[in-house]
Amino acid sequence: MITERLKYNQMANRRPSMYFWRTHAGDEIDYIEEMDNVIAAYEFKYKNKPHAKAPRKFKTAYPNSNYEIVHMENFSFFILPNQQT
């Protein structure tokens, strides 16, 4: 997923800063993009987890961030955001 996102960013001439996030306690976020002072956090799951939330420590540290679960049913928004109908 990250490789496909990198391809999209390259083709769209986007240059976000890219990170992952993990605490000593083991809380983690798989992929984070920061661009124009906007933080977008993405967690990758095989199946949809409708009640999944961003780790509390992350939301406390970055309260204005966006958080999305990317899974088999919605991954196209992540790799081809402008192609949605």
PDB file of N, CA and C in Angstrom:
ATOM      1  N   MET A   1       0.824  -1.198   0.000  1.00  0.00           N
ATOM      2  CA  MET A   1       0.000   0.000   0.000  1.00  0.00           C
ATOM      3  C   MET A   1       0.866   1.260   0.000  1.00  0.00           C
ATOM      4  N   ILE A   2       1.896   1.246   0.796  1.00  0.00           N
ATOM      5  CA  ILE A   2       2.740   2.439   0.874  1.00  0.00           C
ATOM      6  C   ILE A   2       3.452   2.681  -0.452  1.00  0.00           C
ATOM      7  N   THR A   3       3.913   1.619  -1.095  1.00  0.00           N
ATOM      8  CA  THR A   3       4.572   1.773  -2.391  1.00  0.00           C
ATOM      9  C   THR A   3       3.615   2.375  -3.417  1.00  0.00           C
ATOM     10  N   GLU A   4       2.376   1.909  -3.412  1.00  0.00           N
ATOM     11  CA  GLU A   4       1.388   2.474  -4.341  1.00  0.00           C
ATOM     12  C   GLU A   4       1.103   3.939  -4.021  1.00  0.00           C
ATOM     13  N   ARG A   5       1.087   4.283  -2.752  1.00  0.00           N
ATOM     14  CA  ARG A   5       0.882   5.677  -2.360  1.00  0.00           C
ATOM     15  C   ARG A   5       2.067   6.536  -2.809  1.00  0.00           C
ATOM     16  N   LEU A   6       3.277   6.002  -2.676  1.00  0.00           N
ATOM     17  CA  LEU A   6       4.454   6.729  -3.142  1.00  0.00           C
ATOM     18  C   LEU A   6       4.373   6.991  -4.646  1.00  0.00           C
ATOM     19  N   LYS A   7       3.907   6.003  -5.395  1.00  0.00           N
ATOM     20  CA  LYS A   7       3.730   6.182  -6.836  1.00  0.00           C
ATOM     21  C   LYS A   7       2.714   7.285  -7.122  1.00  0.00           C
ATOM     22  N   TYR A   8       1.583   7.246  -6.411  1.00  0.00           N
ATOM     23  CA  TYR A   8       0.564   8.286  -6.589  1.00  0.00           C
ATOM     24  C   TYR A   8       1.142   9.664  -6.282  1.00  0.00           C
ATOM     25  N   ASN A   9       1.838   9.794  -5.156  1.00  0.00           N
ATOM     26  CA  ASN A   9       2.402  11.084  -4.779  1.00  0.00           C
ATOM     27  C   ASN A   9       3.368  11.591  -5.842  1.00  0.00           C
ATOM     28  N   GLN A  10       4.176  10.700  -6.379  1.00  0.00           N
ATOM     29  CA  GLN A  10       5.124  11.084  -7.429  1.00  0.00           C
ATOM     30  C   GLN A  10       4.387  11.574  -8.672  1.00  0.00           C
ATOM     31  N   MET A  11       3.400  10.809  -9.113  1.00  0.00           N
ATOM     32  CA  MET A  11       2.656  11.172 -10.325  1.00  0.00           C
ATOM     33  C   MET A  11       1.850  12.472 -10.145  1.00  0.00           C
ATOM     34  N   ALA A  12       1.351  12.706  -8.936  1.00  0.00           N
ATOM     35  CA  ALA A  12       0.561  13.906  -8.649  1.00  0.00           C
ATOM     36  C   ALA A  12       1.441  15.087  -8.246  1.00  0.00           C
ATOM     37  N   ASN A  13       2.761  14.876  -8.269  1.00  0.00           N
ATOM     38  CA  ASN A  13       3.717  15.906  -7.889  1.00  0.00           C
ATOM     39  C   ASN A  13       3.469  16.404  -6.467  1.00  0.00           C
ATOM     40  N   ARG A  14       3.092  15.484  -5.592  1.00  0.00           N
ATOM     41  CA  ARG A  14       2.902  15.791  -4.168  1.00  0.00           C
ATOM     42  C   ARG A  14       4.184  15.432  -3.431  1.00  0.00           C
ATOM     43  N   ARG A  15       4.566  16.225  -2.458  1.00  0.00           N
ATOM     44  CA  ARG A  15       5.782  15.975  -1.697  1.00  0.00           C
ATOM     45  C   ARG A  15       5.508  16.019  -0.188  1.00  0.00           C
ATOM     46  N   PRO A  16       4.677  15.122   0.306  1.00  0.00           N
ATOM     47  CA  PRO A  16       4.420  15.143   1.750  1.00  0.00           C
ATOM     48  C   PRO A  16       5.608  14.589   2.526  1.00  0.00           C
ATOM     49  N   SER A  17       5.715  14.997   3.764  1.00  0.00           N
ATOM     50  CA  SER A  17       6.645  14.340   4.684  1.00  0.00           C
ATOM     51  C   SER A  17       5.969  13.052   5.116  1.00  0.00           C
ATOM     52  N   MET A  18       6.734  11.967   5.222  1.00  0.00           N
ATOM     53  CA  MET A  18       6.162  10.654   5.525  1.00  0.00           C
ATOM     54  C   MET A  18       6.780  10.091   6.804  1.00  0.00           C
ATOM     55  N   TYR A  19       5.925   9.510   7.632  1.00  0.00           N
ATOM     56  CA  TYR A  19       6.358   8.991   8.921  1.00  0.00           C
ATOM     57  C   TYR A  19       5.580   7.724   9.279  1.00  0.00           C
ATOM     58  N   PHE A  20       6.042   7.046  10.302  1.00  0.00           N
ATOM     59  CA  PHE A  20       5.240   6.079  11.036  1.00  0.00           C
ATOM     60  C   PHE A  20       5.330   6.510  12.486  1.00  0.00           C
ATOM     61  N   TRP A  21       4.452   5.990  13.319  1.00  0.00           N
ATOM     62  CA  TRP A  21       4.394   6.431  14.710  1.00  0.00           C
ATOM     63  C   TRP A  21       4.248   5.225  15.613  1.00  0.00           C
ATOM     64  N   ARG A  22       5.050   5.195  16.684  1.00  0.00           N
ATOM     65  CA  ARG A  22       4.966   4.088  17.638  1.00  0.00           C
ATOM     66  C   ARG A  22       5.428   4.571  19.005  1.00  0.00           C
ATOM     67  N   THR A  23       4.707   4.128  20.036  1.00  0.00           N
ATOM     68  CA  THR A  23       5.096   4.460  21.408  1.00  0.00           C
ATOM     69  C   THR A  23       5.886   3.296  21.998  1.00  0.00           C
ATOM     70  N   HIS A  24       6.511   3.546  23.133  1.00  0.00           N
ATOM     71  CA  HIS A  24       7.211   2.462  23.837  1.00  0.00           C
ATOM     72  C   HIS A  24       6.238   1.386  24.307  1.00  0.00           C
ATOM     73  N   ALA A  25       4.992   1.762  24.503  1.00  0.00           N
ATOM     74  CA  ALA A  25       3.972   0.803  24.943  1.00  0.00           C
ATOM     75  C   ALA A  25       3.459  -0.067  23.792  1.00  0.00           C
ATOM     76  N   GLY A  26       3.830   0.267  22.555  1.00  0.00           N
ATOM     77  CA  GLY A  26       3.427  -0.549  21.422  1.00  0.00           C
ATOM     78  C   GLY A  26       2.289  -0.001  20.586  1.00  0.00           C
ATOM     79  N   ASP A  27       1.711   1.140  20.963  1.00  0.00           N
ATOM     80  CA  ASP A  27       0.698   1.764  20.107  1.00  0.00           C
ATOM     81  C   ASP A  27       1.390   2.209  18.820  1.00  0.00           C
ATOM     82  N   GLU A  28       0.699   2.051  17.688  1.00  0.00           N
ATOM     83  CA  GLU A  28       1.351   2.410  16.439  1.00  0.00           C
ATOM     84  C   GLU A  28       0.353   2.888  15.401  1.00  0.00           C
ATOM     85  N   ILE A  29       0.879   3.613  14.444  1.00  0.00           N
ATOM     86  CA  ILE A  29       0.147   3.992  13.235  1.00  0.00           C
ATOM     87  C   ILE A  29       1.073   3.645  12.080  1.00  0.00           C
ATOM     88  N   ASP A  30       0.521   2.963  11.077  1.00  0.00           N
ATOM     89  CA  ASP A  30       1.339   2.405  10.008  1.00  0.00           C
ATOM     90  C   ASP A  30       1.966   3.454   9.097  1.00  0.00           C
ATOM     91  N   TYR A  31       1.228   4.498   8.776  1.00  0.00           N
ATOM     92  CA  TYR A  31       1.732   5.467   7.799  1.00  0.00           C
ATOM     93  C   TYR A  31       1.114   6.833   8.073  1.00  0.00           C
ATOM     94  N   ILE A  32       1.951   7.859   8.050  1.00  0.00           N
ATOM     95  CA  ILE A  32       1.500   9.228   8.288  1.00  0.00           C
ATOM     96  C   ILE A  32       2.071  10.121   7.200  1.00  0.00           C
ATOM     97  N   GLU A  33       1.235  10.988   6.670  1.00  0.00           N
ATOM     98  CA  GLU A  33       1.676  12.023   5.742  1.00  0.00           C
ATOM     99  C   GLU A  33       1.385  13.376   6.363  1.00  0.00           C
ATOM    100  N   GLU A  34       2.343  14.276   6.221  1.00  0.00           N
ATOM    101  CA  GLU A  34       2.147  15.654   6.656  1.00  0.00           C
ATOM    102  C   GLU A  34       2.427  16.561   5.462  1.00  0.00           C
ATOM    103  N   MET A  35       1.441  17.380   5.139  1.00  0.00           N
ATOM    104  CA  MET A  35       1.601  18.298   4.018  1.00  0.00           C
ATOM    105  C   MET A  35       0.777  19.541   4.292  1.00  0.00           C
ATOM    106  N   ASP A  36       1.374  20.697   4.123  1.00  0.00           N
ATOM    107  CA  ASP A  36       0.702  21.976   4.373  1.00  0.00           C
ATOM    108  C   ASP A  36       0.124  22.029   5.786  1.00  0.00           C
ATOM    109  N   ASN A  37       0.879  21.535   6.748  1.00  0.00           N
ATOM    110  CA  ASN A  37       0.494  21.519   8.163  1.00  0.00           C
ATOM    111  C   ASN A  37      -0.736  20.668   8.446  1.00  0.00           C
ATOM    112  N   VAL A  38      -1.059  19.743   7.561  1.00  0.00           N
ATOM    113  CA  VAL A  38      -2.156  18.800   7.773  1.00  0.00           C
ATOM    114  C   VAL A  38      -1.552  17.411   7.951  1.00  0.00           C
ATOM    115  N   ILE A  39      -1.946  16.743   9.029  1.00  0.00           N
ATOM    116  CA  ILE A  39      -1.459  15.398   9.313  1.00  0.00           C
ATOM    117  C   ILE A  39      -2.562  14.398   8.998  1.00  0.00           C
ATOM    118  N   ALA A  40      -2.223  13.435   8.145  1.00  0.00           N
ATOM    119  CA  ALA A  40      -3.149  12.358   7.785  1.00  0.00           C
ATOM    120  C   ALA A  40      -2.513  11.039   8.203  1.00  0.00           C
ATOM    121  N   ALA A  41      -3.191  10.314   9.086  1.00  0.00           N
ATOM    122  CA  ALA A  41      -2.690   9.048   9.600  1.00  0.00           C
ATOM    123  C   ALA A  41      -3.506   7.903   9.023  1.00  0.00           C
ATOM    124  N   TYR A  42      -2.823   6.828   8.644  1.00  0.00           N
ATOM    125  CA  TYR A  42      -3.476   5.686   8.012  1.00  0.00           C
ATOM    126  C   TYR A  42      -3.059   4.401   8.708  1.00  0.00           C
ATOM    127  N   GLU A  43      -4.031   3.588   9.006  1.00  0.00           N
ATOM    128  CA  GLU A  43      -3.805   2.258   9.578  1.00  0.00           C
ATOM    129  C   GLU A  43      -4.264   1.238   8.544  1.00  0.00           C
ATOM    130  N   PHE A  44      -3.440   0.244   8.255  1.00  0.00           N
ATOM    131  CA  PHE A  44      -3.766  -0.766   7.256  1.00  0.00           C
ATOM    132  C   PHE A  44      -4.286  -2.030   7.928  1.00  0.00           C
ATOM    133  N   LYS A  45      -5.445  -2.482   7.492  1.00  0.00           N
ATOM    134  CA  LYS A  45      -6.079  -3.714   7.983  1.00  0.00           C
ATOM    135  C   LYS A  45      -6.568  -4.508   6.782  1.00  0.00           C
ATOM    136  N   TYR A  46      -6.570  -5.815   6.902  1.00  0.00           N
ATOM    137  CA  TYR A  46      -7.092  -6.638   5.818  1.00  0.00           C
ATOM    138  C   TYR A  46      -8.606  -6.486   5.713  1.00  0.00           C
ATOM    139  N   LYS A  47      -9.271  -6.558   6.861  1.00  0.00           N
ATOM    140  CA  LYS A  47     -10.729  -6.419   6.899  1.00  0.00           C
ATOM    141  C   LYS A  47     -11.111  -5.096   7.548  1.00  0.00           C
ATOM    142  N   ASN A  48     -12.290  -4.629   7.227  1.00  0.00           N
ATOM    143  CA  ASN A  48     -12.806  -3.394   7.805  1.00  0.00           C
ATOM    144  C   ASN A  48     -12.985  -3.556   9.310  1.00  0.00           C
ATOM    145  N   LYS A  49     -12.535  -2.577  10.050  1.00  0.00           N
ATOM    146  CA  LYS A  49     -12.709  -2.530  11.502  1.00  0.00           C
ATOM    147  C   LYS A  49     -13.491  -1.258  11.810  1.00  0.00           C
ATOM    148  N   PRO A  50     -14.824  -1.306  11.714  1.00  0.00           N
ATOM    149  CA  PRO A  50     -15.619  -0.068  11.795  1.00  0.00           C
ATOM    150  C   PRO A  50     -15.481   0.695  13.110  1.00  0.00           C
ATOM    151  N   HIS A  51     -15.104   0.036  14.185  1.00  0.00           N
ATOM    152  CA  HIS A  51     -15.019   0.727  15.476  1.00  0.00           C
ATOM    153  C   HIS A  51     -13.588   1.079  15.858  1.00  0.00           C
ATOM    154  N   ALA A  52     -12.641   0.872  14.945  1.00  0.00           N
ATOM    155  CA  ALA A  52     -11.244   1.185  15.237  1.00  0.00           C
ATOM    156  C   ALA A  52     -11.055   2.697  15.333  1.00  0.00           C
ATOM    157  N   LYS A  53     -10.239   3.098  16.279  1.00  0.00           N
ATOM    158  CA  LYS A  53      -9.958   4.512  16.500  1.00  0.00           C
ATOM    159  C   LYS A  53      -8.459   4.724  16.563  1.00  0.00           C
ATOM    160  N   ALA A  54      -8.062   5.951  16.336  1.00  0.00           N
ATOM    161  CA  ALA A  54      -6.652   6.313  16.494  1.00  0.00           C
ATOM    162  C   ALA A  54      -6.259   6.118  17.955  1.00  0.00           C
ATOM    163  N   PRO A  55      -5.022   5.711  18.211  1.00  0.00           N
ATOM    164  CA  PRO A  55      -4.574   5.590  19.604  1.00  0.00           C
ATOM    165  C   PRO A  55      -4.765   6.908  20.355  1.00  0.00           C
ATOM    166  N   ARG A  56      -5.200   6.804  21.580  1.00  0.00           N
ATOM    167  CA  ARG A  56      -5.497   7.991  22.394  1.00  0.00           C
ATOM    168  C   ARG A  56      -4.287   8.921  22.500  1.00  0.00           C
ATOM    169  N   LYS A  57      -3.094   8.364  22.686  1.00  0.00           N
ATOM    170  CA  LYS A  57      -1.893   9.193  22.805  1.00  0.00           C
ATOM    171  C   LYS A  57      -1.614   9.970  21.513  1.00  0.00           C
ATOM    172  N   PHE A  58      -1.914   9.358  20.381  1.00  0.00           N
ATOM    173  CA  PHE A  58      -1.718  10.054  19.111  1.00  0.00           C
ATOM    174  C   PHE A  58      -2.708  11.209  18.986  1.00  0.00           C
ATOM    175  N   LYS A  59      -3.976  10.953  19.272  1.00  0.00           N
ATOM    176  CA  LYS A  59      -4.990  12.009  19.176  1.00  0.00           C
ATOM    177  C   LYS A  59      -4.724  13.138  20.170  1.00  0.00           C
ATOM    178  N   THR A  60      -4.165  12.805  21.320  1.00  0.00           N
ATOM    179  CA  THR A  60      -3.813  13.836  22.292  1.00  0.00           C
ATOM    180  C   THR A  60      -2.662  14.693  21.770  1.00  0.00           C
ATOM    181  N   ALA A  61      -1.666  14.046  21.181  1.00  0.00           N
ATOM    182  CA  ALA A  61      -0.501  14.767  20.666  1.00  0.00           C
ATOM    183  C   ALA A  61      -0.819  15.541  19.391  1.00  0.00           C
ATOM    184  N   TYR A  62      -1.727  15.007  18.567  1.00  0.00           N
ATOM    185  CA  TYR A  62      -2.064  15.605  17.275  1.00  0.00           C
ATOM    186  C   TYR A  62      -3.585  15.692  17.131  1.00  0.00           C
ATOM    187  N   PRO A  63      -4.225  16.573  17.890  1.00  0.00           N
ATOM    188  CA  PRO A  63      -5.695  16.595  17.941  1.00  0.00           C
ATOM    189  C   PRO A  63      -6.377  16.963  16.621  1.00  0.00           C
ATOM    190  N   ASN A  64      -5.712  17.663  15.746  1.00  0.00           N
ATOM    191  CA  ASN A  64      -6.335  18.076  14.492  1.00  0.00           C
ATOM    192  C   ASN A  64      -5.994  17.150  13.329  1.00  0.00           C
ATOM    193  N   SER A  65      -5.422  16.008  13.629  1.00  0.00           N
ATOM    194  CA  SER A  65      -5.037  15.084  12.564  1.00  0.00           C
ATOM    195  C   SER A  65      -6.252  14.324  12.036  1.00  0.00           C
ATOM    196  N   ASN A  66      -6.110  13.821  10.818  1.00  0.00           N
ATOM    197  CA  ASN A  66      -7.124  12.953  10.214  1.00  0.00           C
ATOM    198  C   ASN A  66      -6.651  11.513  10.371  1.00  0.00           C
ATOM    199  N   TYR A  67      -7.595  10.589  10.608  1.00  0.00           N
ATOM    200  CA  TYR A  67      -7.248   9.182  10.810  1.00  0.00           C
ATOM    201  C   TYR A  67      -8.173   8.324   9.970  1.00  0.00           C
ATOM    202  N   GLU A  68      -7.593   7.437   9.179  1.00  0.00           N
ATOM    203  CA  GLU A  68      -8.369   6.549   8.318  1.00  0.00           C
ATOM    204  C   GLU A  68      -7.867   5.122   8.430  1.00  0.00           C
ATOM    205  N   ILE A  69      -8.799   4.184   8.375  1.00  0.00           N
ATOM    206  CA  ILE A  69      -8.459   2.770   8.259  1.00  0.00           C
ATOM    207  C   ILE A  69      -8.521   2.425   6.779  1.00  0.00           C
ATOM    208  N   VAL A  70      -7.442   1.867   6.247  1.00  0.00           N
ATOM    209  CA  VAL A  70      -7.398   1.435   4.853  1.00  0.00           C
ATOM    210  C   VAL A  70      -7.521  -0.085   4.859  1.00  0.00           C
ATOM    211  N   HIS A  71      -8.513  -0.603   4.121  1.00  0.00           N
ATOM    212  CA  HIS A  71      -8.749  -2.053   4.104  1.00  0.00           C
ATOM    213  C   HIS A  71      -9.111  -2.493   2.691  1.00  0.00           C
ATOM    214  N   MET A  72      -9.368  -3.770   2.508  1.00  0.00           N
ATOM    215  CA  MET A  72      -9.604  -4.339   1.183  1.00  0.00           C
ATOM    216  C   MET A  72     -10.779  -3.697   0.444  1.00  0.00           C
ATOM    217  N   GLU A  73     -11.742  -3.180   1.140  1.00  0.00           N
ATOM    218  CA  GLU A  73     -12.927  -2.622   0.498  1.00  0.00           C
ATOM    219  C   GLU A  73     -12.788  -1.140   0.132  1.00  0.00           C
ATOM    220  N   ASN A  74     -11.816  -0.447   0.696  1.00  0.00           N
ATOM    221  CA  ASN A  74     -11.721   0.990   0.432  1.00  0.00           C
ATOM    222  C   ASN A  74     -10.327   1.462   0.020  1.00  0.00           C
ATOM    223  N   PHE A  75      -9.415   0.553  -0.254  1.00  0.00           N
ATOM    224  CA  PHE A  75      -8.033   0.948  -0.492  1.00  0.00           C
ATOM    225  C   PHE A  75      -7.849   1.870  -1.691  1.00  0.00           C
ATOM    226  N   SER A  76      -8.790   1.864  -2.638  1.00  0.00           N
ATOM    227  CA  SER A  76      -8.612   2.698  -3.830  1.00  0.00           C
ATOM    228  C   SER A  76      -8.566   4.189  -3.485  1.00  0.00           C
ATOM    229  N   PHE A  77      -9.265   4.624  -2.423  1.00  0.00           N
ATOM    230  CA  PHE A  77      -9.200   6.036  -2.047  1.00  0.00           C
ATOM    231  C   PHE A  77      -7.787   6.422  -1.629  1.00  0.00           C
ATOM    232  N   PHE A  78      -7.029   5.447  -1.140  1.00  0.00           N
ATOM    233  CA  PHE A  78      -5.680   5.707  -0.653  1.00  0.00           C
ATOM    234  C   PHE A  78      -4.658   5.761  -1.789  1.00  0.00           C
ATOM    235  N   ILE A  79      -4.806   4.877  -2.765  1.00  0.00           N
ATOM    236  CA  ILE A  79      -3.810   4.838  -3.840  1.00  0.00           C
ATOM    237  C   ILE A  79      -4.203   5.656  -5.065  1.00  0.00           C
ATOM    238  N   LEU A  80      -5.495   5.965  -5.196  1.00  0.00           N
ATOM    239  CA  LEU A  80      -5.975   6.781  -6.320  1.00  0.00           C
ATOM    240  C   LEU A  80      -7.034   7.780  -5.836  1.00  0.00           C
ATOM    241  N   PRO A  81      -6.665   8.698  -4.961  1.00  0.00           N
ATOM    242  CA  PRO A  81      -7.655   9.588  -4.351  1.00  0.00           C
ATOM    243  C   PRO A  81      -8.481  10.398  -5.350  1.00  0.00           C
ATOM    244  N   ASN A  82      -7.899  10.777  -6.455  1.00  0.00           N
ATOM    245  CA  ASN A  82      -8.622  11.610  -7.414  1.00  0.00           C
ATOM    246  C   ASN A  82      -9.467  10.827  -8.381  1.00  0.00           C
ATOM    247  N   GLN A  83      -9.471   9.512  -8.280  1.00  0.00           N
ATOM    248  CA  GLN A  83     -10.205   8.670  -9.212  1.00  0.00           C
ATOM    249  C   GLN A  83     -11.548   8.198  -8.659  1.00  0.00           C
ATOM    250  N   GLN A  84     -11.931   8.685  -7.478  1.00  0.00           N
ATOM    251  CA  GLN A  84     -13.183   8.257  -6.865  1.00  0.00           C
ATOM    252  C   GLN A  84     -14.378   8.838  -7.607  1.00  0.00           C
ATOM    253  N   THR A  85     -15.457   8.060  -7.678  1.00  0.00           N
ATOM    254  CA  THR A  85     -16.674   8.544  -8.333  1.00  0.00           C
ATOM    255  C   THR A  85     -17.761   8.799  -7.314  1.00  0.00           C
TER     256      THR A  85
END
